[in-house]
Amino acid sequence: MPHWKHEIEAGVRAGVLVCGVDEVGRGPLAGPVLACAVCLPLDLDRKVQKRIKDSKQIDREEREELSEILRATVAYAIGQAEVEEIDRINILKASHLAMLRAFEGLSSRPAHALVDGDRAPNLPCPITCIIGGDAISLSIAAASIIAKVERDKIMRELAAQHPLYGWETNAGYSTREHLTALQQHGPTPFHRKSFRPVYELQLPID
C-alpha cells in the first residue's frame, strides 16, 4: 500500500516541496510516452489517500474518478514525448524527456523528486529512484493514476482516426488483436518504427 515514508524522508514535513514522478507508455507499439509529476499535500483527504494505489491495480472507472479528484485538488503537470522523439532518441531517453517536461510544467519548482524506477532522469533537483515506486510512494502512485488516465484518453482519440488496431482497449500495447492488424494493414504514423514488431514489417523480404 502506498505511504508517505519516502516523502517524509525527503523533507516534506519540514516544508520541502517534494514531487512524485511516473511515466506510462514505455512498452506499447504505438502512441506517445507520458509522464506526470505530482506534489501531494500532507493534509490530503484521508479517504482519497486510502484509494490511491498503483494505477495498474485500479479498474478504469475508479482510476478515472481518482484522476479527476486529484486534478482538482493537487499540484500536477503532465509531460509527453512523441513517437518521432521515441524513434529518434530511444524509449528510455524519451521517457526521461517526458518526466523533465512534467517536472518543468509544475507551477512551483520542487526541491526533491521521487521517481519510479532505477534510472534517474536529468531533473534540476535531488532525486530518489524507487523501484516499484508506484506501489510504495503515495505521490508516485498519484502520478501513475493521472498519467495512465491521460494516455488512455489520447489513445482512444487516436483510435477514432485509426480504428483497425483496437487502441481504445489495448492502448497501443502488443495484444494479439493489435499485432494481427499490424500484419494485415501495416503501421500508421503513430506506430513506433524503432520497436521490433513494427520495424520488422519494414524490412525487405528476400
N, C-alpha and C. Protein backbone atom coordinates (compact mmCIF):
# COMPACT_ATOMS: atom_id res chain seq x y z
N MET A 1 0.85 -1.20 0.00
CA MET A 1 0.00 0.00 0.00
C MET A 1 0.89 1.26 0.00
N PRO A 2 0.67 2.20 -0.89
CA PRO A 2 1.49 3.42 -0.91
C PRO A 2 1.41 4.18 0.41
N HIS A 3 2.53 4.82 0.76
CA HIS A 3 2.60 5.54 2.03
C HIS A 3 3.46 6.80 1.86
N TRP A 4 3.66 7.52 2.98
CA TRP A 4 4.36 8.80 2.98
C TRP A 4 5.86 8.65 3.29
N LYS A 5 6.35 7.44 3.53
CA LYS A 5 7.71 7.26 4.04
C LYS A 5 8.76 8.03 3.24
N HIS A 6 8.76 7.87 1.94
CA HIS A 6 9.81 8.48 1.13
C HIS A 6 9.63 10.00 1.03
N GLU A 7 8.39 10.45 1.01
CA GLU A 7 8.14 11.90 1.01
C GLU A 7 8.65 12.52 2.31
N ILE A 8 8.40 11.84 3.43
CA ILE A 8 8.84 12.35 4.72
C ILE A 8 10.38 12.35 4.80
N GLU A 9 11.00 11.29 4.31
CA GLU A 9 12.46 11.23 4.29
C GLU A 9 13.06 12.35 3.43
N ALA A 10 12.32 12.76 2.41
CA ALA A 10 12.79 13.84 1.53
C ALA A 10 12.55 15.22 2.14
N GLY A 11 11.81 15.25 3.25
CA GLY A 11 11.66 16.52 3.97
C GLY A 11 10.33 17.21 3.87
N VAL A 12 9.29 16.50 3.42
CA VAL A 12 8.01 17.17 3.20
C VAL A 12 7.43 17.75 4.49
N ARG A 13 7.68 17.10 5.62
CA ARG A 13 7.17 17.62 6.90
C ARG A 13 7.88 18.91 7.32
N ALA A 14 9.08 19.11 6.81
CA ALA A 14 9.83 20.32 7.12
C ALA A 14 9.57 21.43 6.11
N GLY A 15 8.62 21.19 5.21
CA GLY A 15 8.27 22.21 4.23
C GLY A 15 8.96 22.07 2.89
N VAL A 16 9.74 21.00 2.71
CA VAL A 16 10.38 20.77 1.40
C VAL A 16 9.31 20.35 0.39
N LEU A 17 9.31 21.01 -0.76
CA LEU A 17 8.35 20.64 -1.80
C LEU A 17 8.87 19.40 -2.53
N VAL A 18 8.13 18.31 -2.40
CA VAL A 18 8.53 17.02 -2.97
C VAL A 18 7.52 16.62 -4.03
N CYS A 19 8.00 16.14 -5.16
CA CYS A 19 7.08 15.65 -6.19
C CYS A 19 7.35 14.17 -6.46
N GLY A 20 6.30 13.47 -6.84
CA GLY A 20 6.42 12.10 -7.32
C GLY A 20 6.29 12.11 -8.83
N VAL A 21 7.12 11.35 -9.50
CA VAL A 21 7.12 11.33 -10.97
C VAL A 21 7.01 9.90 -11.47
N ASP A 22 6.10 9.68 -12.40
CA ASP A 22 5.95 8.36 -13.00
C ASP A 22 5.64 8.52 -14.48
N GLU A 23 5.97 7.51 -15.24
CA GLU A 23 5.65 7.53 -16.67
C GLU A 23 4.74 6.36 -17.01
N VAL A 24 4.09 6.48 -18.14
CA VAL A 24 3.25 5.40 -18.66
C VAL A 24 3.43 5.36 -20.17
N GLY A 25 3.51 4.13 -20.70
CA GLY A 25 3.60 4.01 -22.15
C GLY A 25 4.98 3.71 -22.68
N ARG A 26 5.85 3.10 -21.87
CA ARG A 26 7.16 2.72 -22.41
C ARG A 26 7.06 1.49 -23.31
N GLY A 27 6.12 0.59 -23.02
CA GLY A 27 6.07 -0.68 -23.74
C GLY A 27 5.25 -0.75 -25.01
N PRO A 28 4.25 0.13 -25.20
CA PRO A 28 3.38 -0.01 -26.37
C PRO A 28 4.11 0.14 -27.71
N LEU A 29 3.47 -0.38 -28.74
CA LEU A 29 3.99 -0.26 -30.10
C LEU A 29 3.57 1.05 -30.75
N ALA A 30 2.62 1.75 -30.14
CA ALA A 30 2.08 2.96 -30.76
C ALA A 30 1.77 3.99 -29.69
N GLY A 31 1.79 5.24 -30.12
CA GLY A 31 1.41 6.34 -29.24
C GLY A 31 2.56 6.93 -28.46
N PRO A 32 2.33 8.09 -27.86
CA PRO A 32 3.38 8.78 -27.10
C PRO A 32 3.65 8.11 -25.76
N VAL A 33 4.75 8.51 -25.14
CA VAL A 33 5.02 8.14 -23.75
C VAL A 33 4.71 9.38 -22.91
N LEU A 34 4.01 9.17 -21.81
CA LEU A 34 3.59 10.27 -20.94
C LEU A 34 4.21 10.14 -19.57
N ALA A 35 4.40 11.27 -18.92
CA ALA A 35 4.85 11.29 -17.53
C ALA A 35 4.01 12.32 -16.78
N CYS A 36 3.90 12.11 -15.48
CA CYS A 36 3.19 13.06 -14.64
C CYS A 36 4.04 13.32 -13.40
N ALA A 37 4.06 14.57 -12.97
CA ALA A 37 4.71 14.96 -11.72
C ALA A 37 3.63 15.50 -10.79
N VAL A 38 3.61 15.01 -9.56
CA VAL A 38 2.56 15.38 -8.60
C VAL A 38 3.19 15.78 -7.27
N CYS A 39 2.70 16.88 -6.71
CA CYS A 39 3.07 17.30 -5.36
C CYS A 39 1.84 17.14 -4.48
N LEU A 40 1.87 16.16 -3.59
CA LEU A 40 0.73 15.91 -2.70
C LEU A 40 0.88 16.70 -1.41
N PRO A 41 -0.19 17.35 -0.94
CA PRO A 41 -0.15 17.99 0.37
C PRO A 41 -0.31 16.95 1.48
N LEU A 42 0.36 17.18 2.58
CA LEU A 42 0.25 16.23 3.70
C LEU A 42 -1.17 16.14 4.25
N ASP A 43 -1.94 17.21 4.06
CA ASP A 43 -3.31 17.19 4.56
C ASP A 43 -4.32 16.71 3.52
N LEU A 44 -3.83 15.99 2.52
CA LEU A 44 -4.74 15.41 1.53
C LEU A 44 -5.79 14.56 2.23
N ASP A 45 -7.01 14.69 1.79
CA ASP A 45 -8.13 13.97 2.40
C ASP A 45 -7.78 12.49 2.61
N ARG A 46 -7.99 12.02 3.84
CA ARG A 46 -7.61 10.64 4.19
C ARG A 46 -8.34 9.61 3.33
N LYS A 47 -9.59 9.88 3.02
CA LYS A 47 -10.34 8.94 2.19
C LYS A 47 -9.74 8.82 0.80
N VAL A 48 -9.27 9.95 0.28
CA VAL A 48 -8.61 9.93 -1.03
C VAL A 48 -7.28 9.18 -0.93
N GLN A 49 -6.52 9.45 0.13
CA GLN A 49 -5.24 8.76 0.32
C GLN A 49 -5.40 7.25 0.28
N LYS A 50 -6.42 6.75 0.97
CA LYS A 50 -6.62 5.31 1.07
C LYS A 50 -6.98 4.69 -0.28
N ARG A 51 -7.49 5.49 -1.20
CA ARG A 51 -7.87 4.98 -2.52
C ARG A 51 -6.72 4.98 -3.52
N ILE A 52 -5.66 5.73 -3.21
CA ILE A 52 -4.54 5.84 -4.14
C ILE A 52 -3.69 4.58 -4.13
N LYS A 53 -3.55 3.99 -5.30
CA LYS A 53 -2.74 2.79 -5.48
C LYS A 53 -2.03 2.89 -6.82
N ASP A 54 -1.16 1.95 -7.07
CA ASP A 54 -0.57 1.80 -8.40
C ASP A 54 -1.71 1.75 -9.41
N SER A 55 -1.62 2.57 -10.46
CA SER A 55 -2.73 2.67 -11.42
C SER A 55 -3.11 1.33 -12.03
N LYS A 56 -2.15 0.41 -12.11
CA LYS A 56 -2.43 -0.90 -12.71
C LYS A 56 -3.29 -1.77 -11.80
N GLN A 57 -3.40 -1.38 -10.54
CA GLN A 57 -4.19 -2.16 -9.58
C GLN A 57 -5.60 -1.62 -9.40
N ILE A 58 -5.98 -0.63 -10.21
CA ILE A 58 -7.29 0.01 -10.09
C ILE A 58 -8.04 -0.15 -11.40
N ASP A 59 -9.33 -0.44 -11.34
CA ASP A 59 -10.08 -0.57 -12.58
C ASP A 59 -10.31 0.81 -13.21
N ARG A 60 -10.71 0.80 -14.47
CA ARG A 60 -10.78 2.04 -15.24
C ARG A 60 -11.70 3.07 -14.60
N GLU A 61 -12.88 2.66 -14.15
CA GLU A 61 -13.83 3.61 -13.58
C GLU A 61 -13.26 4.30 -12.33
N GLU A 62 -12.67 3.49 -11.45
CA GLU A 62 -12.07 4.03 -10.23
C GLU A 62 -10.89 4.94 -10.57
N ARG A 63 -10.08 4.54 -11.53
CA ARG A 63 -8.90 5.32 -11.93
C ARG A 63 -9.32 6.69 -12.46
N GLU A 64 -10.34 6.71 -13.31
CA GLU A 64 -10.78 7.97 -13.88
C GLU A 64 -11.39 8.89 -12.82
N GLU A 65 -12.12 8.31 -11.89
CA GLU A 65 -12.69 9.12 -10.81
C GLU A 65 -11.58 9.70 -9.93
N LEU A 66 -10.59 8.87 -9.58
CA LEU A 66 -9.48 9.35 -8.76
C LEU A 66 -8.67 10.42 -9.49
N SER A 67 -8.44 10.22 -10.78
CA SER A 67 -7.70 11.20 -11.55
C SER A 67 -8.40 12.55 -11.52
N GLU A 68 -9.70 12.54 -11.65
CA GLU A 68 -10.47 13.79 -11.62
C GLU A 68 -10.36 14.47 -10.27
N ILE A 69 -10.44 13.69 -9.20
CA ILE A 69 -10.31 14.24 -7.84
C ILE A 69 -8.91 14.83 -7.65
N LEU A 70 -7.89 14.09 -8.05
CA LEU A 70 -6.52 14.56 -7.87
C LEU A 70 -6.25 15.83 -8.68
N ARG A 71 -6.72 15.85 -9.91
CA ARG A 71 -6.51 17.04 -10.75
C ARG A 71 -7.13 18.28 -10.14
N ALA A 72 -8.22 18.09 -9.40
CA ALA A 72 -8.91 19.22 -8.80
C ALA A 72 -8.31 19.66 -7.47
N THR A 73 -7.44 18.82 -6.87
CA THR A 73 -7.01 19.11 -5.51
C THR A 73 -5.50 19.17 -5.30
N VAL A 74 -4.69 18.72 -6.25
CA VAL A 74 -3.24 18.72 -6.03
C VAL A 74 -2.52 19.44 -7.16
N ALA A 75 -1.27 19.80 -6.91
CA ALA A 75 -0.43 20.39 -7.95
C ALA A 75 0.15 19.27 -8.81
N TYR A 76 -0.05 19.37 -10.11
CA TYR A 76 0.46 18.33 -11.01
C TYR A 76 0.76 18.93 -12.38
N ALA A 77 1.53 18.22 -13.16
CA ALA A 77 1.78 18.59 -14.55
C ALA A 77 2.07 17.32 -15.34
N ILE A 78 1.72 17.35 -16.60
CA ILE A 78 1.91 16.20 -17.49
C ILE A 78 2.92 16.58 -18.57
N GLY A 79 3.83 15.66 -18.86
CA GLY A 79 4.78 15.84 -19.94
C GLY A 79 4.67 14.68 -20.91
N GLN A 80 5.05 14.90 -22.14
CA GLN A 80 4.86 13.86 -23.15
C GLN A 80 6.00 13.91 -24.16
N ALA A 81 6.38 12.75 -24.66
CA ALA A 81 7.33 12.66 -25.77
C ALA A 81 6.64 11.93 -26.90
N GLU A 82 6.74 12.48 -28.08
CA GLU A 82 6.01 11.96 -29.24
C GLU A 82 6.73 10.76 -29.86
N VAL A 83 5.99 10.07 -30.72
CA VAL A 83 6.52 8.89 -31.40
C VAL A 83 7.82 9.22 -32.14
N GLU A 84 7.87 10.37 -32.81
CA GLU A 84 9.07 10.75 -33.55
C GLU A 84 10.28 10.86 -32.62
N GLU A 85 10.04 11.38 -31.41
CA GLU A 85 11.14 11.51 -30.44
C GLU A 85 11.56 10.14 -29.92
N ILE A 86 10.59 9.28 -29.68
CA ILE A 86 10.90 7.91 -29.22
C ILE A 86 11.78 7.22 -30.25
N ASP A 87 11.42 7.32 -31.52
CA ASP A 87 12.20 6.66 -32.58
C ASP A 87 13.57 7.28 -32.75
N ARG A 88 13.68 8.57 -32.47
CA ARG A 88 14.95 9.25 -32.70
C ARG A 88 15.95 9.05 -31.56
N ILE A 89 15.47 9.10 -30.30
CA ILE A 89 16.42 9.09 -29.18
C ILE A 89 16.34 7.83 -28.31
N ASN A 90 15.39 6.96 -28.55
CA ASN A 90 15.09 5.70 -27.86
C ASN A 90 14.08 5.93 -26.74
N ILE A 91 13.42 4.87 -26.33
CA ILE A 91 12.30 4.96 -25.42
C ILE A 91 12.72 5.40 -24.02
N LEU A 92 13.87 4.96 -23.54
CA LEU A 92 14.30 5.36 -22.20
C LEU A 92 14.55 6.87 -22.14
N LYS A 93 15.29 7.38 -23.12
CA LYS A 93 15.57 8.82 -23.15
C LYS A 93 14.28 9.62 -23.35
N ALA A 94 13.37 9.08 -24.17
CA ALA A 94 12.10 9.76 -24.38
C ALA A 94 11.27 9.77 -23.10
N SER A 95 11.29 8.69 -22.34
CA SER A 95 10.59 8.64 -21.06
C SER A 95 11.15 9.69 -20.11
N HIS A 96 12.47 9.80 -20.06
CA HIS A 96 13.10 10.79 -19.20
C HIS A 96 12.80 12.21 -19.67
N LEU A 97 12.70 12.40 -20.98
CA LEU A 97 12.33 13.70 -21.52
C LEU A 97 10.90 14.07 -21.11
N ALA A 98 10.00 13.11 -21.17
CA ALA A 98 8.62 13.35 -20.72
C ALA A 98 8.59 13.70 -19.23
N MET A 99 9.42 13.02 -18.43
CA MET A 99 9.50 13.32 -17.00
C MET A 99 9.99 14.75 -16.76
N LEU A 100 11.02 15.15 -17.51
CA LEU A 100 11.55 16.51 -17.38
C LEU A 100 10.47 17.54 -17.75
N ARG A 101 9.75 17.28 -18.81
CA ARG A 101 8.70 18.21 -19.23
C ARG A 101 7.59 18.30 -18.19
N ALA A 102 7.26 17.16 -17.56
CA ALA A 102 6.26 17.20 -16.49
C ALA A 102 6.78 17.99 -15.31
N PHE A 103 8.01 17.75 -14.91
CA PHE A 103 8.63 18.46 -13.79
C PHE A 103 8.63 19.97 -14.06
N GLU A 104 9.03 20.34 -15.25
CA GLU A 104 9.13 21.76 -15.60
C GLU A 104 7.76 22.42 -15.73
N GLY A 105 6.72 21.59 -15.89
CA GLY A 105 5.37 22.13 -16.02
C GLY A 105 4.72 22.50 -14.69
N LEU A 106 5.32 22.08 -13.58
CA LEU A 106 4.76 22.40 -12.27
C LEU A 106 4.87 23.89 -12.01
N SER A 107 3.85 24.45 -11.37
CA SER A 107 3.83 25.89 -11.13
C SER A 107 4.89 26.32 -10.11
N SER A 108 5.24 25.43 -9.17
CA SER A 108 6.31 25.68 -8.21
C SER A 108 7.38 24.61 -8.39
N ARG A 109 8.65 25.00 -8.31
CA ARG A 109 9.75 24.07 -8.56
C ARG A 109 10.02 23.20 -7.33
N PRO A 110 9.82 21.89 -7.42
CA PRO A 110 10.11 21.02 -6.29
C PRO A 110 11.60 21.02 -5.93
N ALA A 111 11.88 20.78 -4.66
CA ALA A 111 13.26 20.70 -4.19
C ALA A 111 13.76 19.27 -4.18
N HIS A 112 12.85 18.30 -4.36
CA HIS A 112 13.23 16.89 -4.37
C HIS A 112 12.21 16.13 -5.21
N ALA A 113 12.68 15.16 -5.97
CA ALA A 113 11.80 14.35 -6.80
C ALA A 113 11.95 12.87 -6.46
N LEU A 114 10.83 12.21 -6.29
CA LEU A 114 10.78 10.76 -6.14
C LEU A 114 10.37 10.19 -7.50
N VAL A 115 11.21 9.34 -8.06
CA VAL A 115 10.99 8.86 -9.43
C VAL A 115 10.84 7.35 -9.44
N ASP A 116 9.81 6.88 -10.11
CA ASP A 116 9.61 5.44 -10.23
C ASP A 116 10.68 4.83 -11.12
N GLY A 117 11.27 3.72 -10.67
CA GLY A 117 12.26 3.03 -11.48
C GLY A 117 13.65 3.11 -10.88
N ASP A 118 14.63 2.63 -11.63
CA ASP A 118 16.00 2.58 -11.12
C ASP A 118 16.96 3.48 -11.89
N ARG A 119 16.44 4.29 -12.81
CA ARG A 119 17.28 5.20 -13.58
C ARG A 119 16.74 6.62 -13.45
N ALA A 120 17.60 7.53 -13.08
CA ALA A 120 17.16 8.90 -12.81
C ALA A 120 17.17 9.75 -14.08
N PRO A 121 16.08 10.45 -14.34
CA PRO A 121 16.10 11.43 -15.42
C PRO A 121 16.93 12.63 -15.00
N ASN A 122 17.24 13.49 -15.93
CA ASN A 122 18.05 14.67 -15.64
C ASN A 122 17.16 15.82 -15.18
N LEU A 123 16.81 15.78 -13.90
CA LEU A 123 15.98 16.83 -13.32
C LEU A 123 16.85 17.78 -12.50
N PRO A 124 16.47 19.05 -12.43
CA PRO A 124 17.31 20.03 -11.72
C PRO A 124 17.07 20.05 -10.22
N CYS A 125 17.13 18.89 -9.58
CA CYS A 125 16.96 18.79 -8.14
C CYS A 125 17.44 17.41 -7.70
N PRO A 126 17.65 17.20 -6.41
CA PRO A 126 17.98 15.85 -5.94
C PRO A 126 16.86 14.87 -6.27
N ILE A 127 17.24 13.63 -6.57
CA ILE A 127 16.28 12.61 -7.00
C ILE A 127 16.47 11.35 -6.18
N THR A 128 15.36 10.75 -5.77
CA THR A 128 15.38 9.42 -5.18
C THR A 128 14.67 8.47 -6.13
N CYS A 129 15.38 7.50 -6.68
CA CYS A 129 14.76 6.50 -7.53
C CYS A 129 14.20 5.38 -6.66
N ILE A 130 12.99 4.97 -6.95
CA ILE A 130 12.33 3.93 -6.16
C ILE A 130 11.80 2.85 -7.10
N ILE A 131 12.40 1.69 -7.05
CA ILE A 131 11.91 0.58 -7.87
C ILE A 131 10.53 0.17 -7.34
N GLY A 132 9.56 0.07 -8.25
CA GLY A 132 8.20 -0.21 -7.84
C GLY A 132 7.58 0.92 -7.06
N GLY A 133 8.03 2.14 -7.34
CA GLY A 133 7.58 3.30 -6.59
C GLY A 133 6.10 3.57 -6.65
N ASP A 134 5.45 3.17 -7.74
CA ASP A 134 4.02 3.42 -7.86
C ASP A 134 3.20 2.55 -6.90
N ALA A 135 3.83 1.54 -6.31
CA ALA A 135 3.15 0.71 -5.31
C ALA A 135 3.58 1.07 -3.89
N ILE A 136 4.52 2.03 -3.76
CA ILE A 136 5.10 2.34 -2.46
C ILE A 136 4.85 3.79 -2.06
N SER A 137 5.13 4.70 -2.97
CA SER A 137 5.05 6.14 -2.68
C SER A 137 3.70 6.70 -3.09
N LEU A 138 3.07 7.42 -2.17
CA LEU A 138 1.75 7.99 -2.48
C LEU A 138 1.81 8.97 -3.64
N SER A 139 2.85 9.81 -3.68
CA SER A 139 2.91 10.81 -4.75
C SER A 139 3.22 10.18 -6.10
N ILE A 140 4.06 9.13 -6.12
CA ILE A 140 4.32 8.43 -7.38
C ILE A 140 3.07 7.70 -7.83
N ALA A 141 2.36 7.06 -6.90
CA ALA A 141 1.12 6.36 -7.25
C ALA A 141 0.09 7.33 -7.82
N ALA A 142 -0.02 8.51 -7.22
CA ALA A 142 -0.94 9.52 -7.74
C ALA A 142 -0.54 9.94 -9.14
N ALA A 143 0.76 10.11 -9.36
CA ALA A 143 1.24 10.47 -10.70
C ALA A 143 0.92 9.37 -11.70
N SER A 144 1.03 8.11 -11.27
CA SER A 144 0.75 7.00 -12.18
C SER A 144 -0.72 6.99 -12.60
N ILE A 145 -1.60 7.36 -11.69
CA ILE A 145 -3.04 7.39 -12.00
C ILE A 145 -3.35 8.46 -13.03
N ILE A 146 -2.86 9.67 -12.78
CA ILE A 146 -3.15 10.77 -13.71
C ILE A 146 -2.54 10.49 -15.08
N ALA A 147 -1.31 9.99 -15.10
CA ALA A 147 -0.64 9.71 -16.38
C ALA A 147 -1.37 8.62 -17.16
N LYS A 148 -1.77 7.56 -16.48
CA LYS A 148 -2.46 6.45 -17.14
C LYS A 148 -3.78 6.90 -17.75
N VAL A 149 -4.56 7.65 -17.00
CA VAL A 149 -5.87 8.12 -17.50
C VAL A 149 -5.68 9.04 -18.70
N GLU A 150 -4.69 9.92 -18.62
CA GLU A 150 -4.45 10.85 -19.73
C GLU A 150 -3.99 10.12 -20.98
N ARG A 151 -3.08 9.16 -20.83
CA ARG A 151 -2.61 8.45 -22.02
C ARG A 151 -3.71 7.59 -22.63
N ASP A 152 -4.51 6.94 -21.80
CA ASP A 152 -5.62 6.14 -22.32
C ASP A 152 -6.58 7.01 -23.12
N LYS A 153 -6.80 8.23 -22.64
CA LYS A 153 -7.68 9.17 -23.37
C LYS A 153 -7.07 9.50 -24.74
N ILE A 154 -5.78 9.76 -24.76
CA ILE A 154 -5.10 10.06 -26.03
C ILE A 154 -5.22 8.89 -26.99
N MET A 155 -5.04 7.68 -26.49
CA MET A 155 -5.10 6.51 -27.36
C MET A 155 -6.52 6.26 -27.87
N ARG A 156 -7.52 6.58 -27.07
CA ARG A 156 -8.91 6.46 -27.57
C ARG A 156 -9.16 7.48 -28.69
N GLU A 157 -8.59 8.66 -28.55
CA GLU A 157 -8.74 9.67 -29.60
C GLU A 157 -8.02 9.24 -30.89
N LEU A 158 -6.84 8.66 -30.73
CA LEU A 158 -6.12 8.16 -31.91
C LEU A 158 -6.84 6.97 -32.54
N ALA A 159 -7.51 6.17 -31.70
CA ALA A 159 -8.27 5.02 -32.22
C ALA A 159 -9.40 5.47 -33.13
N ALA A 160 -9.96 6.64 -32.86
CA ALA A 160 -11.03 7.16 -33.71
C ALA A 160 -10.50 7.47 -35.11
N GLN A 161 -9.21 7.83 -35.21
CA GLN A 161 -8.59 8.11 -36.51
C GLN A 161 -8.11 6.82 -37.19
N HIS A 162 -7.74 5.84 -36.38
CA HIS A 162 -7.20 4.58 -36.89
C HIS A 162 -7.90 3.42 -36.17
N PRO A 163 -9.12 3.10 -36.58
CA PRO A 163 -9.96 2.17 -35.82
C PRO A 163 -9.63 0.69 -35.96
N LEU A 164 -8.63 0.34 -36.75
CA LEU A 164 -8.37 -1.07 -37.04
C LEU A 164 -7.51 -1.76 -35.98
N TYR A 165 -6.92 -1.01 -35.07
CA TYR A 165 -5.87 -1.57 -34.21
C TYR A 165 -6.31 -1.80 -32.76
N GLY A 166 -7.52 -1.40 -32.43
CA GLY A 166 -8.03 -1.65 -31.08
C GLY A 166 -7.40 -0.81 -29.99
N TRP A 167 -6.88 0.37 -30.34
CA TRP A 167 -6.19 1.19 -29.35
C TRP A 167 -7.11 1.67 -28.23
N GLU A 168 -8.41 1.71 -28.50
CA GLU A 168 -9.33 2.16 -27.45
C GLU A 168 -9.37 1.19 -26.28
N THR A 169 -8.94 -0.05 -26.51
CA THR A 169 -8.90 -1.03 -25.42
C THR A 169 -7.47 -1.49 -25.10
N ASN A 170 -6.59 -1.58 -26.11
CA ASN A 170 -5.23 -2.08 -25.83
C ASN A 170 -4.22 -0.97 -25.60
N ALA A 171 -4.63 0.29 -25.80
CA ALA A 171 -3.77 1.47 -25.56
C ALA A 171 -2.44 1.41 -26.31
N GLY A 172 -2.41 0.65 -27.41
CA GLY A 172 -1.20 0.56 -28.22
C GLY A 172 -0.27 -0.58 -27.85
N TYR A 173 -0.62 -1.34 -26.82
CA TYR A 173 0.22 -2.47 -26.43
C TYR A 173 0.08 -3.61 -27.44
N SER A 174 1.02 -4.55 -27.37
CA SER A 174 1.10 -5.59 -28.40
C SER A 174 0.17 -6.77 -28.09
N THR A 175 -1.11 -6.52 -28.08
CA THR A 175 -2.09 -7.59 -27.94
C THR A 175 -2.18 -8.37 -29.25
N ARG A 176 -2.80 -9.52 -29.20
CA ARG A 176 -2.98 -10.32 -30.42
C ARG A 176 -3.75 -9.53 -31.48
N GLU A 177 -4.81 -8.84 -31.02
CA GLU A 177 -5.61 -8.03 -31.95
C GLU A 177 -4.74 -6.98 -32.64
N HIS A 178 -3.91 -6.30 -31.86
CA HIS A 178 -3.07 -5.23 -32.41
C HIS A 178 -2.04 -5.79 -33.38
N LEU A 179 -1.38 -6.89 -33.01
CA LEU A 179 -0.36 -7.48 -33.87
C LEU A 179 -0.95 -8.01 -35.17
N THR A 180 -2.14 -8.58 -35.09
CA THR A 180 -2.81 -9.09 -36.30
C THR A 180 -3.13 -7.94 -37.24
N ALA A 181 -3.67 -6.84 -36.69
CA ALA A 181 -4.00 -5.67 -37.51
C ALA A 181 -2.75 -5.05 -38.11
N LEU A 182 -1.67 -5.07 -37.34
CA LEU A 182 -0.42 -4.52 -37.84
C LEU A 182 0.10 -5.33 -39.02
N GLN A 183 -0.02 -6.64 -38.93
CA GLN A 183 0.39 -7.51 -40.04
C GLN A 183 -0.48 -7.29 -41.27
N GLN A 184 -1.77 -7.12 -41.05
CA GLN A 184 -2.72 -7.02 -42.16
C GLN A 184 -2.72 -5.64 -42.81
N HIS A 185 -2.56 -4.59 -42.01
CA HIS A 185 -2.76 -3.23 -42.52
C HIS A 185 -1.50 -2.36 -42.48
N GLY A 186 -0.44 -2.87 -41.84
CA GLY A 186 0.79 -2.10 -41.77
C GLY A 186 0.73 -1.02 -40.70
N PRO A 187 1.86 -0.34 -40.48
CA PRO A 187 1.92 0.68 -39.43
C PRO A 187 1.28 1.99 -39.84
N THR A 188 0.85 2.73 -38.84
CA THR A 188 0.34 4.09 -39.01
C THR A 188 1.45 5.08 -38.65
N PRO A 189 1.24 6.37 -38.85
CA PRO A 189 2.24 7.35 -38.40
C PRO A 189 2.43 7.37 -36.88
N PHE A 190 1.51 6.74 -36.14
CA PHE A 190 1.60 6.74 -34.69
C PHE A 190 2.26 5.48 -34.14
N HIS A 191 2.69 4.59 -35.03
CA HIS A 191 3.44 3.42 -34.59
C HIS A 191 4.91 3.77 -34.42
N ARG A 192 5.54 3.11 -33.43
CA ARG A 192 6.94 3.35 -33.13
C ARG A 192 7.79 2.48 -34.05
N LYS A 193 8.38 3.10 -35.03
CA LYS A 193 9.08 2.35 -36.07
C LYS A 193 10.39 1.75 -35.57
N SER A 194 10.86 2.16 -34.40
CA SER A 194 12.08 1.59 -33.84
C SER A 194 11.79 0.35 -32.99
N PHE A 195 10.51 0.03 -32.77
CA PHE A 195 10.14 -1.15 -31.99
C PHE A 195 10.07 -2.37 -32.91
N ARG A 196 10.59 -3.48 -32.44
CA ARG A 196 10.82 -4.64 -33.30
C ARG A 196 9.60 -5.09 -34.12
N PRO A 197 8.41 -5.29 -33.54
CA PRO A 197 7.29 -5.78 -34.36
C PRO A 197 6.92 -4.83 -35.50
N VAL A 198 7.17 -3.53 -35.29
CA VAL A 198 6.90 -2.55 -36.34
C VAL A 198 8.08 -2.49 -37.30
N TYR A 199 9.28 -2.47 -36.74
CA TYR A 199 10.49 -2.41 -37.55
C TYR A 199 10.58 -3.58 -38.52
N GLU A 200 10.24 -4.78 -38.06
CA GLU A 200 10.38 -5.96 -38.90
C GLU A 200 9.45 -5.91 -40.11
N LEU A 201 8.33 -5.24 -39.98
CA LEU A 201 7.41 -5.11 -41.12
C LEU A 201 8.00 -4.28 -42.24
N GLN A 202 8.99 -3.47 -41.90
CA GLN A 202 9.57 -2.55 -42.89
C GLN A 202 10.81 -3.14 -43.56
N LEU A 203 11.24 -4.32 -43.09
CA LEU A 203 12.41 -4.95 -43.68
C LEU A 203 12.07 -5.55 -45.04
N PRO A 204 12.96 -5.47 -45.99
CA PRO A 204 12.69 -6.10 -47.29
C PRO A 204 12.66 -7.62 -47.17
N ILE A 205 11.77 -8.24 -47.93
CA ILE A 205 11.67 -9.70 -47.92
C ILE A 205 12.58 -10.26 -49.01
N ASP A 206 13.45 -11.22 -48.63
CA ASP A 206 14.38 -11.81 -49.61
C ASP A 206 13.64 -12.69 -50.59
